[in-house]
Each structure stands twice: as C-alpha cells, then as structure tokens.
C-alpha cells in the first residue's frame, strides 16, 4: 500500500527499542482518507472470506475496524481493556502490552461474539503478537471462527506473524517494517 508506506516514511518516528510512532496519522490523530484506503485494502484482501463480523481491541484498532466494517456493511465489536460495570455474559483473557509494559484484563460480551460468527480481526500493529493471541483466546472461548487478521503495520523483526501462522492464522499486513535499527525505518517492498 504505497500511500501508507509514504506516510510512515514521511511522518513516522522511530525510537530506541524498536518503537515506531505513527500517532500523527494512525493512532492518536487520524487521517480519515488514509483510514478509508486502509479499509478498502482490507476489504480487497479478505474478499474471498465469508466474514460476518469485524473485531478489534481498544483503542487504536477501532478506526480501521470501523472503516472496514462500514465498507462491508458489517457490525464491528471491540474488546475492552477494562470491564464495564454493566457488562454481563463476559468472556475474559489477559494481554501483555509491549509498548506500555503492563498486563491488561481484556473482556468482550459473549452477546456480541458467538458461535456462527466468522470474524475478521483488524488492528493497528502486529509486533510480538500478544494482543492477537489474546484475541484468539476470546474467539475460541466464544465458539466463533476466525477468518483472518489484518494489521496496518507489522514489525517483522518481532516475530508476531510467525507465532500466529504457527497457530494456523491467516495474517495480512499492509506495511511490513523490516528493521528500525539506528532509528531508520526500512519497509519491505
């Protein structure tokens, strides 16, 4: 996705420890034109699946998931990092955040993720795969079926894809970062 690659190189910022900051156009301030293009590309890549629900995890995956759901005319559900006092019929897992170095209790209502759902998971980043593995756990507990996972940006050097593919997950990433050494962003062409 050339538009995405261009924005990462133009507006992304690299920090020590393999951190890529894209908060000016993806996960803090958002570029709606870019988000639409991202949604269109996810729709194209998963066109052969029989998806009937889009899923993400709060908060940075919500915008691309909403756009993908809008384009497919499908509902979007997101896992929450804090249990609402009004949530009943809850599914629960734990996810460790690499970026924030903390573990979250993540929940989703079984009312919105159930057997018969064919789920496409959409998120902003794939790094070590911790969030994706937690989502797999939630989907398994719900009895739903995962058709694939789409990520805006994948950090190939952090092996999340390998972990997911070993579990039989179809992974589609729109931009694959090969390396961030010396704070130089290298994108796979």
C-alpha atoms as a PDB file:
ATOM      1  CA  UNK A   1       0.000   0.000   0.000  1.00  0.00           C
ATOM      2  CA  UNK A   2       2.019   2.868  -1.347  1.00  0.00           C
ATOM      3  CA  UNK A   3       0.068   5.663   0.386  1.00  0.00           C
ATOM      4  CA  UNK A   4       0.617   4.030   3.780  1.00  0.00           C
ATOM      5  CA  UNK A   5       4.316   3.389   3.098  1.00  0.00           C
ATOM      6  CA  UNK A   6       4.782   7.027   2.108  1.00  0.00           C
ATOM      7  CA  UNK A   7       3.099   8.299   5.288  1.00  0.00           C
ATOM      8  CA  UNK A   8       5.163   6.010   7.516  1.00  0.00           C
ATOM      9  CA  UNK A   9       8.399   7.237   5.941  1.00  0.00           C
ATOM     10  CA  UNK A  10       7.266  10.873   5.900  1.00  0.00           C
ATOM     11  CA  UNK A  11       5.529  11.183   9.281  1.00  0.00           C
ATOM     12  CA  UNK A  12       6.551   8.131  11.329  1.00  0.00           C
ATOM     13  CA  UNK A  13       9.124   8.497  14.078  1.00  0.00           C
ATOM     14  CA  UNK A  14      11.454   5.814  15.330  1.00  0.00           C
ATOM     15  CA  UNK A  15      12.642   5.393  18.921  1.00  0.00           C
ATOM     16  CA  UNK A  16      15.155   3.067  20.539  1.00  0.00           C
ATOM     17  CA  UNK A  17      13.872  -0.374  21.377  1.00  0.00           C
ATOM     18  CA  UNK A  18      12.014  -0.972  18.112  1.00  0.00           C
ATOM     19  CA  UNK A  19       9.283   1.603  18.667  1.00  0.00           C
ATOM     20  CA  UNK A  20       7.612   3.200  15.644  1.00  0.00           C
ATOM     21  CA  UNK A  21       5.419   6.181  16.450  1.00  0.00           C
ATOM     22  CA  UNK A  22       2.624   6.880  13.962  1.00  0.00           C
ATOM     23  CA  UNK A  23       0.399   8.932  16.225  1.00  0.00           C
ATOM     24  CA  UNK A  24       0.091  11.863  13.817  1.00  0.00           C
ATOM     25  CA  UNK A  25      -1.918   9.839  11.292  1.00  0.00           C
ATOM     26  CA  UNK A  26      -2.994   6.424  12.700  1.00  0.00           C
ATOM     27  CA  UNK A  27      -3.367   6.046  16.440  1.00  0.00           C
ATOM     28  CA  UNK A  28      -3.842   9.441  18.052  1.00  0.00           C
ATOM     29  CA  UNK A  29      -4.626  11.937  15.320  1.00  0.00           C
ATOM     30  CA  UNK A  30      -6.141  10.039  12.395  1.00  0.00           C
ATOM     31  CA  UNK A  31      -6.138  10.701   8.689  1.00  0.00           C
ATOM     32  CA  UNK A  32      -9.651   9.695   7.521  1.00  0.00           C
ATOM     33  CA  UNK A  33      -8.602   9.481   3.857  1.00  0.00           C
ATOM     34  CA  UNK A  34      -5.806   7.087   4.796  1.00  0.00           C
ATOM     35  CA  UNK A  35      -8.211   5.109   7.029  1.00  0.00           C
ATOM     36  CA  UNK A  36     -10.609   4.738   4.109  1.00  0.00           C
ATOM     37  CA  UNK A  37      -7.773   3.456   1.916  1.00  0.00           C
ATOM     38  CA  UNK A  38      -6.782   1.020   4.667  1.00  0.00           C
ATOM     39  CA  UNK A  39     -10.385  -0.224   4.908  1.00  0.00           C
ATOM     40  CA  UNK A  40     -10.585  -0.652   1.125  1.00  0.00           C
ATOM     41  CA  UNK A  41      -7.380  -2.691   1.151  1.00  0.00           C
ATOM     42  CA  UNK A  42      -8.576  -4.967   3.974  1.00  0.00           C
ATOM     43  CA  UNK A  43     -11.854  -5.498   2.086  1.00  0.00           C
ATOM     44  CA  UNK A  44      -9.871  -6.424  -1.046  1.00  0.00           C
ATOM     45  CA  UNK A  45      -7.550  -8.813   0.795  1.00  0.00           C
ATOM     46  CA  UNK A  46     -10.329 -10.639   2.631  1.00  0.00           C
ATOM     47  CA  UNK A  47     -12.890 -10.582  -0.216  1.00  0.00           C
ATOM     48  CA  UNK A  48     -12.790 -14.376  -0.568  1.00  0.00           C
ATOM     49  CA  UNK A  49     -13.793 -14.971   3.068  1.00  0.00           C
ATOM     50  CA  UNK A  50     -17.300 -15.221   4.448  1.00  0.00           C
ATOM     51  CA  UNK A  51     -16.740 -12.722   7.245  1.00  0.00           C
ATOM     52  CA  UNK A  52     -19.840 -11.502   9.060  1.00  0.00           C
ATOM     53  CA  UNK A  53     -18.244  -9.560  11.926  1.00  0.00           C
ATOM     54  CA  UNK A  54     -15.240  -7.268  12.338  1.00  0.00           C
ATOM     55  CA  UNK A  55     -13.414  -7.357  15.673  1.00  0.00           C
ATOM     56  CA  UNK A  56     -10.662  -5.255  17.206  1.00  0.00           C
ATOM     57  CA  UNK A  57      -9.288  -4.270  20.580  1.00  0.00           C
ATOM     58  CA  UNK A  58      -9.442  -0.790  22.037  1.00  0.00           C
ATOM     59  CA  UNK A  59      -8.322   1.731  21.242  1.00  0.00           C
ATOM     60  CA  UNK A  60      -6.085   2.055  18.184  1.00  0.00           C
ATOM     61  CA  UNK A  61      -7.774  -0.665  16.161  1.00  0.00           C
ATOM     62  CA  UNK A  62     -11.200   0.931  16.321  1.00  0.00           C
ATOM     63  CA  UNK A  63     -10.795   3.397  13.424  1.00  0.00           C
ATOM     64  CA  UNK A  64      -9.562   0.879  10.812  1.00  0.00           C
ATOM     65  CA  UNK A  65     -12.079  -1.717  12.057  1.00  0.00           C
ATOM     66  CA  UNK A  66     -14.974   0.765  11.770  1.00  0.00           C
ATOM     67  CA  UNK A  67     -13.911   1.730   8.252  1.00  0.00           C
ATOM     68  CA  UNK A  68     -13.630  -1.921   7.204  1.00  0.00           C
ATOM     69  CA  UNK A  69     -16.999  -2.713   8.787  1.00  0.00           C
ATOM     70  CA  UNK A  70     -18.591   0.285   7.109  1.00  0.00           C
ATOM     71  CA  UNK A  71     -17.310  -0.752   3.680  1.00  0.00           C
ATOM     72  CA  UNK A  72     -18.516  -4.338   4.198  1.00  0.00           C
ATOM     73  CA  UNK A  73     -21.770  -3.255   5.877  1.00  0.00           C
ATOM     74  CA  UNK A  74     -20.911  -5.440   8.893  1.00  0.00           C
ATOM     75  CA  UNK A  75     -21.050  -4.916  12.655  1.00  0.00           C
ATOM     76  CA  UNK A  76     -17.835  -4.079  14.498  1.00  0.00           C
ATOM     77  CA  UNK A  77     -17.146  -5.224  18.049  1.00  0.00           C
ATOM     78  CA  UNK A  78     -14.151  -4.329  20.167  1.00  0.00           C
ATOM     79  CA  UNK A  79     -12.624  -5.996  23.179  1.00  0.00           C
ATOM     80  CA  UNK A  80     -12.324  -3.655  26.151  1.00  0.00           C
ATOM     81  CA  UNK A  81      -9.298  -3.221  28.395  1.00  0.00           C
ATOM     82  CA  UNK A  82     -11.489  -2.532  31.401  1.00  0.00           C
ATOM     83  CA  UNK A  83     -14.613  -4.389  32.492  1.00  0.00           C
ATOM     84  CA  UNK A  84     -17.671  -2.129  32.417  1.00  0.00           C
ATOM     85  CA  UNK A  85     -19.892  -2.488  35.474  1.00  0.00           C
ATOM     86  CA  UNK A  86     -22.848  -3.153  33.171  1.00  0.00           C
ATOM     87  CA  UNK A  87     -21.263  -5.978  31.151  1.00  0.00           C
ATOM     88  CA  UNK A  88     -22.873  -9.364  31.575  1.00  0.00           C
ATOM     89  CA  UNK A  89     -22.153 -12.665  29.843  1.00  0.00           C
ATOM     90  CA  UNK A  90     -18.480 -11.719  29.659  1.00  0.00           C
ATOM     91  CA  UNK A  91     -15.536 -13.501  28.054  1.00  0.00           C
ATOM     92  CA  UNK A  92     -12.134 -12.695  29.602  1.00  0.00           C
ATOM     93  CA  UNK A  93      -8.434 -13.023  28.788  1.00  0.00           C
ATOM     94  CA  UNK A  94      -5.178 -11.303  29.708  1.00  0.00           C
ATOM     95  CA  UNK A  95      -2.881  -9.482  27.292  1.00  0.00           C
ATOM     96  CA  UNK A  96       0.579  -8.071  27.938  1.00  0.00           C
ATOM     97  CA  UNK A  97       1.312  -4.771  26.156  1.00  0.00           C
ATOM     98  CA  UNK A  98       4.852  -4.484  24.806  1.00  0.00           C
ATOM     99  CA  UNK A  99       4.559  -0.714  24.364  1.00  0.00           C
ATOM    100  CA  UNK A 100       3.207   0.016  27.837  1.00  0.00           C
ATOM    101  CA  UNK A 101       4.875  -2.953  29.593  1.00  0.00           C
ATOM    102  CA  UNK A 102       1.757  -3.893  31.517  1.00  0.00           C
ATOM    103  CA  UNK A 103      -0.805  -6.683  31.510  1.00  0.00           C
ATOM    104  CA  UNK A 104      -4.461  -5.914  30.810  1.00  0.00           C
ATOM    105  CA  UNK A 105      -7.579  -7.867  31.659  1.00  0.00           C
ATOM    106  CA  UNK A 106      -9.436  -7.797  28.350  1.00  0.00           C
ATOM    107  CA  UNK A 107     -13.157  -8.504  28.082  1.00  0.00           C
ATOM    108  CA  UNK A 108     -15.859  -8.811  25.470  1.00  0.00           C
ATOM    109  CA  UNK A 109     -19.540  -9.588  25.798  1.00  0.00           C
ATOM    110  CA  UNK A 110     -20.478 -13.065  24.614  1.00  0.00           C
ATOM    111  CA  UNK A 111     -23.659 -11.391  23.344  1.00  0.00           C
ATOM    112  CA  UNK A 112     -21.580  -9.781  20.561  1.00  0.00           C
ATOM    113  CA  UNK A 113     -19.136 -12.622  19.820  1.00  0.00           C
ATOM    114  CA  UNK A 114     -20.792 -16.005  19.492  1.00  0.00           C
ATOM    115  CA  UNK A 115     -20.817 -19.321  17.648  1.00  0.00           C
ATOM    116  CA  UNK A 116     -21.618 -18.798  13.977  1.00  0.00           C
ATOM    117  CA  UNK A 117     -19.651 -15.551  13.755  1.00  0.00           C
ATOM    118  CA  UNK A 118     -16.928 -15.521  11.101  1.00  0.00           C
ATOM    119  CA  UNK A 119     -14.583 -12.903  12.497  1.00  0.00           C
ATOM    120  CA  UNK A 120     -12.035 -10.671  10.802  1.00  0.00           C
ATOM    121  CA  UNK A 121      -9.726  -9.107  13.398  1.00  0.00           C
ATOM    122  CA  UNK A 122      -8.287  -5.691  12.447  1.00  0.00           C
ATOM    123  CA  UNK A 123      -5.649  -3.785  14.430  1.00  0.00           C
ATOM    124  CA  UNK A 124      -3.034  -1.083  14.026  1.00  0.00           C
ATOM    125  CA  UNK A 125       0.146  -3.063  14.861  1.00  0.00           C
ATOM    126  CA  UNK A 126       1.454  -6.607  14.857  1.00  0.00           C
ATOM    127  CA  UNK A 127       4.666  -6.835  16.878  1.00  0.00           C
ATOM    128  CA  UNK A 128       5.147  -9.762  19.255  1.00  0.00           C
ATOM    129  CA  UNK A 129       1.557 -10.894  18.733  1.00  0.00           C
ATOM    130  CA  UNK A 130       0.421 -10.611  22.353  1.00  0.00           C
ATOM    131  CA  UNK A 131      -2.849  -8.804  21.603  1.00  0.00           C
ATOM    132  CA  UNK A 132      -3.590 -11.121  18.681  1.00  0.00           C
ATOM    133  CA  UNK A 133      -3.033 -14.227  20.824  1.00  0.00           C
ATOM    134  CA  UNK A 134      -5.375 -12.789  23.459  1.00  0.00           C
ATOM    135  CA  UNK A 135      -7.992 -12.154  20.781  1.00  0.00           C
ATOM    136  CA  UNK A 136      -7.582 -15.746  19.570  1.00  0.00           C
ATOM    137  CA  UNK A 137      -8.341 -16.865  23.114  1.00  0.00           C
ATOM    138  CA  UNK A 138     -11.511 -14.746  23.221  1.00  0.00           C
ATOM    139  CA  UNK A 139     -12.665 -16.039  19.827  1.00  0.00           C
ATOM    140  CA  UNK A 140     -12.014 -19.636  20.875  1.00  0.00           C
ATOM    141  CA  UNK A 141     -13.944 -19.149  24.144  1.00  0.00           C
ATOM    142  CA  UNK A 142     -16.858 -17.658  22.211  1.00  0.00           C
ATOM    143  CA  UNK A 143     -17.112 -20.532  19.740  1.00  0.00           C
ATOM    144  CA  UNK A 144     -16.754 -18.120  16.803  1.00  0.00           C
ATOM    145  CA  UNK A 145     -14.496 -18.742  13.803  1.00  0.00           C
ATOM    146  CA  UNK A 146     -11.523 -16.535  12.895  1.00  0.00           C
ATOM    147  CA  UNK A 147     -11.208 -15.963   9.134  1.00  0.00           C
ATOM    148  CA  UNK A 148      -8.053 -13.867   9.412  1.00  0.00           C
ATOM    149  CA  UNK A 149      -6.201 -10.974  10.990  1.00  0.00           C
ATOM    150  CA  UNK A 150      -5.399  -7.711   9.253  1.00  0.00           C
ATOM    151  CA  UNK A 151      -2.805  -5.284  10.569  1.00  0.00           C
ATOM    152  CA  UNK A 152      -1.960  -1.821   9.332  1.00  0.00           C
ATOM    153  CA  UNK A 153       1.710  -2.163  10.312  1.00  0.00           C
ATOM    154  CA  UNK A 154       3.720  -5.287  11.096  1.00  0.00           C
ATOM    155  CA  UNK A 155       7.139  -5.241  12.719  1.00  0.00           C
ATOM    156  CA  UNK A 156       8.630  -8.303  11.012  1.00  0.00           C
ATOM    157  CA  UNK A 157      11.622  -8.391  13.363  1.00  0.00           C
ATOM    158  CA  UNK A 158       9.408  -9.034  16.398  1.00  0.00           C
ATOM    159  CA  UNK A 159       8.026 -12.403  15.165  1.00  0.00           C
ATOM    160  CA  UNK A 160       4.305 -11.959  15.851  1.00  0.00           C
ATOM    161  CA  UNK A 161       3.449 -13.279  12.365  1.00  0.00           C
ATOM    162  CA  UNK A 162       5.395 -16.495  12.960  1.00  0.00           C
ATOM    163  CA  UNK A 163       3.556 -17.093  16.226  1.00  0.00           C
ATOM    164  CA  UNK A 164       0.161 -16.562  14.566  1.00  0.00           C
ATOM    165  CA  UNK A 165       0.917 -18.592  11.443  1.00  0.00           C
ATOM    166  CA  UNK A 166       2.063 -21.495  13.630  1.00  0.00           C
ATOM    167  CA  UNK A 167      -1.494 -21.424  15.027  1.00  0.00           C
ATOM    168  CA  UNK A 168      -2.964 -21.532  11.504  1.00  0.00           C
ATOM    169  CA  UNK A 169      -3.970 -17.856  11.362  1.00  0.00           C
ATOM    170  CA  UNK A 170      -4.104 -16.029   8.048  1.00  0.00           C
ATOM    171  CA  UNK A 171      -2.187 -12.756   8.508  1.00  0.00           C
ATOM    172  CA  UNK A 172      -2.387  -9.758   6.160  1.00  0.00           C
ATOM    173  CA  UNK A 173      -0.253  -6.690   6.896  1.00  0.00           C
ATOM    174  CA  UNK A 174      -0.458  -3.512   4.813  1.00  0.00           C
ATOM    175  CA  UNK A 175       3.053  -2.294   5.678  1.00  0.00           C
ATOM    176  CA  UNK A 176       5.809  -4.590   6.893  1.00  0.00           C
ATOM    177  CA  UNK A 177       8.667  -2.933   8.739  1.00  0.00           C
ATOM    178  CA  UNK A 178      11.820  -4.981   8.216  1.00  0.00           C
ATOM    179  CA  UNK A 179      14.055  -3.036  10.555  1.00  0.00           C
ATOM    180  CA  UNK A 180      14.214   0.028  12.805  1.00  0.00           C
ATOM    181  CA  UNK A 181      17.922  -0.200  13.655  1.00  0.00           C
ATOM    182  CA  UNK A 182      19.674   3.132  14.138  1.00  0.00           C
ATOM    183  CA  UNK A 183      16.199   4.693  14.019  1.00  0.00           C
ATOM    184  CA  UNK A 184      15.995   4.170  10.282  1.00  0.00           C
ATOM    185  CA  UNK A 185      12.643   2.883   9.028  1.00  0.00           C
ATOM    186  CA  UNK A 186      13.049   0.055   6.470  1.00  0.00           C
ATOM    187  CA  UNK A 187       9.811  -1.068   4.838  1.00  0.00           C
ATOM    188  CA  UNK A 188       9.520  -4.331   2.870  1.00  0.00           C
ATOM    189  CA  UNK A 189       8.584  -3.593  -0.736  1.00  0.00           C
END
